[in-house]
Amino acid sequence: MAARLRKTHQEDVRRKIQASQLINLLQSNALGKLERELSESRRKSAEFLLSKSIGNPPTVIEGNPDAPFVIKHEMT
């Protein structure tokens, strides 16, 4: 068997799967697809873990006379 080129690949994949599970949970809750709505503490815990795993994109606020402001989320 060939040696792995990138030893952290398995851990990276594991983190991505865990992040996608949190996204699915929060999305199902927001769309009302869960049998029972998430408790406030469970929802906040999921949001916190998700922000730690994928981070929060920086927000840029711009304005001009025609439109008071525009919020842009920039992914890095």
N, C-alpha and C. Protein backbone atom coordinates (compact mmCIF):
# COMPACT_ATOMS: atom_id res chain seq x y z
N MET A 1 0.85 -1.18 0.00
CA MET A 1 0.00 0.00 0.00
C MET A 1 0.89 1.24 0.00
N ALA A 2 0.53 2.21 -0.80
CA ALA A 2 1.32 3.44 -0.92
C ALA A 2 1.17 4.30 0.34
N ALA A 3 2.21 5.03 0.64
CA ALA A 3 2.17 5.94 1.79
C ALA A 3 1.26 7.12 1.48
N ARG A 4 0.62 7.62 2.50
CA ARG A 4 -0.26 8.79 2.31
C ARG A 4 0.58 10.03 2.07
N LEU A 5 0.11 10.84 1.13
CA LEU A 5 0.80 12.08 0.84
C LEU A 5 0.48 13.13 1.90
N ARG A 6 -0.75 13.13 2.37
CA ARG A 6 -1.19 14.12 3.35
C ARG A 6 -1.80 13.39 4.54
N LYS A 7 -1.11 13.39 5.63
CA LYS A 7 -1.54 12.60 6.79
C LYS A 7 -2.78 13.17 7.49
N THR A 8 -3.07 14.45 7.30
CA THR A 8 -4.21 15.06 7.98
C THR A 8 -5.50 14.95 7.17
N HIS A 9 -5.47 14.32 6.02
CA HIS A 9 -6.65 14.24 5.15
C HIS A 9 -7.84 13.62 5.88
N GLN A 10 -7.63 12.51 6.56
CA GLN A 10 -8.72 11.82 7.25
C GLN A 10 -9.36 12.73 8.30
N GLU A 11 -8.56 13.45 9.06
CA GLU A 11 -9.10 14.36 10.07
C GLU A 11 -9.85 15.52 9.43
N ASP A 12 -9.35 16.03 8.32
CA ASP A 12 -10.04 17.11 7.60
C ASP A 12 -11.41 16.65 7.12
N VAL A 13 -11.48 15.46 6.57
CA VAL A 13 -12.76 14.92 6.10
C VAL A 13 -13.71 14.73 7.27
N ARG A 14 -13.21 14.23 8.39
CA ARG A 14 -14.04 14.03 9.57
C ARG A 14 -14.65 15.36 10.05
N ARG A 15 -13.83 16.43 10.09
CA ARG A 15 -14.33 17.75 10.51
C ARG A 15 -15.39 18.28 9.54
N LYS A 16 -15.19 18.07 8.25
CA LYS A 16 -16.17 18.54 7.27
C LYS A 16 -17.49 17.81 7.41
N ILE A 17 -17.44 16.52 7.68
CA ILE A 17 -18.67 15.75 7.88
C ILE A 17 -19.39 16.23 9.13
N GLN A 18 -18.65 16.48 10.21
CA GLN A 18 -19.28 16.96 11.44
C GLN A 18 -19.91 18.34 11.21
N ALA A 19 -19.23 19.21 10.47
CA ALA A 19 -19.78 20.54 10.18
C ALA A 19 -21.05 20.41 9.35
N SER A 20 -21.06 19.51 8.37
CA SER A 20 -22.25 19.35 7.54
C SER A 20 -23.42 18.80 8.36
N GLN A 21 -23.15 17.96 9.35
CA GLN A 21 -24.21 17.47 10.22
C GLN A 21 -24.82 18.60 11.04
N LEU A 22 -23.99 19.52 11.53
CA LEU A 22 -24.50 20.67 12.27
C LEU A 22 -25.33 21.57 11.37
N ILE A 23 -24.86 21.78 10.14
CA ILE A 23 -25.61 22.60 9.18
C ILE A 23 -26.97 21.98 8.91
N ASN A 24 -26.99 20.66 8.68
CA ASN A 24 -28.26 19.97 8.43
C ASN A 24 -29.21 20.10 9.61
N LEU A 25 -28.69 19.97 10.83
CA LEU A 25 -29.52 20.08 12.03
C LEU A 25 -30.13 21.48 12.14
N LEU A 26 -29.29 22.51 11.98
CA LEU A 26 -29.79 23.88 12.09
C LEU A 26 -30.76 24.22 10.96
N GLN A 27 -30.47 23.71 9.76
CA GLN A 27 -31.36 23.97 8.63
C GLN A 27 -32.71 23.29 8.84
N SER A 28 -32.71 22.07 9.30
CA SER A 28 -33.97 21.36 9.57
C SER A 28 -34.77 22.08 10.64
N ASN A 29 -34.09 22.59 11.65
CA ASN A 29 -34.77 23.33 12.71
C ASN A 29 -35.39 24.61 12.15
N ALA A 30 -34.63 25.33 11.33
CA ALA A 30 -35.12 26.60 10.76
C ALA A 30 -36.31 26.37 9.84
N LEU A 31 -36.31 25.26 9.12
CA LEU A 31 -37.39 24.98 8.17
C LEU A 31 -38.57 24.24 8.80
N GLY A 32 -38.48 23.96 10.11
CA GLY A 32 -39.57 23.29 10.81
C GLY A 32 -39.71 21.82 10.47
N LYS A 33 -38.62 21.19 10.05
CA LYS A 33 -38.67 19.78 9.66
C LYS A 33 -38.40 18.82 10.80
N LEU A 34 -38.07 19.32 11.98
CA LEU A 34 -37.83 18.46 13.14
C LEU A 34 -39.14 18.20 13.85
N GLU A 35 -39.27 17.02 14.45
CA GLU A 35 -40.48 16.70 15.22
C GLU A 35 -40.66 17.66 16.37
N ARG A 36 -39.52 18.02 17.00
CA ARG A 36 -39.55 18.93 18.13
C ARG A 36 -38.47 19.97 17.91
N GLU A 37 -38.80 21.23 18.09
CA GLU A 37 -37.84 22.32 17.88
C GLU A 37 -36.67 22.18 18.86
N LEU A 38 -35.48 22.56 18.39
CA LEU A 38 -34.29 22.50 19.24
C LEU A 38 -34.43 23.46 20.42
N SER A 39 -33.90 23.05 21.55
CA SER A 39 -33.89 23.96 22.70
C SER A 39 -32.90 25.09 22.40
N GLU A 40 -33.06 26.18 23.10
CA GLU A 40 -32.19 27.34 22.89
C GLU A 40 -30.72 26.98 23.14
N SER A 41 -30.46 26.22 24.20
CA SER A 41 -29.07 25.88 24.51
C SER A 41 -28.48 24.93 23.46
N ARG A 42 -29.26 24.00 22.96
CA ARG A 42 -28.76 23.08 21.94
C ARG A 42 -28.50 23.82 20.63
N ARG A 43 -29.39 24.75 20.26
CA ARG A 43 -29.20 25.53 19.04
C ARG A 43 -27.96 26.39 19.13
N LYS A 44 -27.77 27.05 20.28
CA LYS A 44 -26.59 27.89 20.45
C LYS A 44 -25.31 27.07 20.46
N SER A 45 -25.36 25.88 21.04
CA SER A 45 -24.20 24.99 21.04
C SER A 45 -23.83 24.58 19.62
N ALA A 46 -24.83 24.24 18.82
CA ALA A 46 -24.58 23.86 17.43
C ALA A 46 -24.00 25.03 16.65
N GLU A 47 -24.54 26.23 16.86
CA GLU A 47 -24.01 27.43 16.18
C GLU A 47 -22.57 27.69 16.59
N PHE A 48 -22.27 27.54 17.87
CA PHE A 48 -20.91 27.78 18.36
C PHE A 48 -19.93 26.78 17.74
N LEU A 49 -20.28 25.50 17.77
CA LEU A 49 -19.40 24.48 17.19
C LEU A 49 -19.21 24.69 15.70
N LEU A 50 -20.27 25.10 15.02
CA LEU A 50 -20.17 25.36 13.58
C LEU A 50 -19.26 26.55 13.31
N SER A 51 -19.37 27.60 14.11
CA SER A 51 -18.51 28.77 13.90
C SER A 51 -17.04 28.42 14.16
N LYS A 52 -16.79 27.50 15.08
CA LYS A 52 -15.41 27.08 15.36
C LYS A 52 -14.87 26.20 14.23
N SER A 53 -15.73 25.42 13.60
CA SER A 53 -15.24 24.51 12.57
C SER A 53 -15.09 25.18 11.20
N ILE A 54 -16.01 26.09 10.84
CA ILE A 54 -15.88 26.73 9.53
C ILE A 54 -15.59 28.22 9.63
N GLY A 55 -15.68 28.78 10.83
CA GLY A 55 -15.39 30.19 11.02
C GLY A 55 -16.54 31.08 10.59
N ASN A 56 -16.46 32.31 10.96
CA ASN A 56 -17.46 33.30 10.57
C ASN A 56 -16.85 34.18 9.48
N PRO A 57 -17.52 34.28 8.32
CA PRO A 57 -16.96 35.11 7.26
C PRO A 57 -16.97 36.58 7.67
N PRO A 58 -15.94 37.33 7.28
CA PRO A 58 -15.94 38.76 7.60
C PRO A 58 -17.08 39.48 6.88
N THR A 59 -17.64 40.47 7.53
CA THR A 59 -18.74 41.22 6.96
C THR A 59 -18.26 42.62 6.62
N VAL A 60 -18.56 43.04 5.38
CA VAL A 60 -18.20 44.38 4.93
C VAL A 60 -19.48 45.16 4.73
N ILE A 61 -19.57 46.34 5.33
CA ILE A 61 -20.75 47.18 5.18
C ILE A 61 -20.37 48.39 4.34
N GLU A 62 -21.09 48.57 3.22
CA GLU A 62 -20.85 49.70 2.33
C GLU A 62 -22.14 50.49 2.18
N GLY A 63 -22.03 51.77 1.87
CA GLY A 63 -23.21 52.57 1.69
C GLY A 63 -23.05 53.59 0.59
N ASN A 64 -24.17 54.05 0.03
CA ASN A 64 -24.18 55.14 -0.94
C ASN A 64 -25.53 55.84 -0.85
N PRO A 65 -25.70 57.01 -1.49
CA PRO A 65 -26.96 57.75 -1.36
C PRO A 65 -28.19 56.99 -1.85
N ASP A 66 -28.05 56.14 -2.88
CA ASP A 66 -29.20 55.43 -3.43
C ASP A 66 -29.64 54.24 -2.57
N ALA A 67 -28.70 53.59 -1.93
CA ALA A 67 -29.00 52.45 -1.07
C ALA A 67 -28.29 52.69 0.26
N PRO A 68 -29.02 52.75 1.35
CA PRO A 68 -28.40 53.06 2.64
C PRO A 68 -27.20 52.17 2.99
N PHE A 69 -27.30 50.87 2.79
CA PHE A 69 -26.16 50.00 3.04
C PHE A 69 -26.38 48.64 2.39
N VAL A 70 -25.28 47.98 2.13
CA VAL A 70 -25.29 46.64 1.55
C VAL A 70 -24.38 45.77 2.41
N ILE A 71 -24.85 44.62 2.80
CA ILE A 71 -24.04 43.72 3.60
C ILE A 71 -23.51 42.61 2.69
N LYS A 72 -22.20 42.45 2.66
CA LYS A 72 -21.57 41.42 1.84
C LYS A 72 -20.80 40.48 2.75
N HIS A 73 -21.03 39.19 2.57
CA HIS A 73 -20.26 38.19 3.31
C HIS A 73 -19.16 37.70 2.38
N GLU A 74 -17.92 37.90 2.77
CA GLU A 74 -16.80 37.51 1.95
C GLU A 74 -16.22 36.21 2.48
N MET A 75 -16.19 35.18 1.63
CA MET A 75 -15.63 33.91 2.02
C MET A 75 -14.14 33.92 1.69
N THR A 76 -13.33 33.45 2.63
CA THR A 76 -11.89 33.41 2.39
C THR A 76 -11.44 32.02 2.05
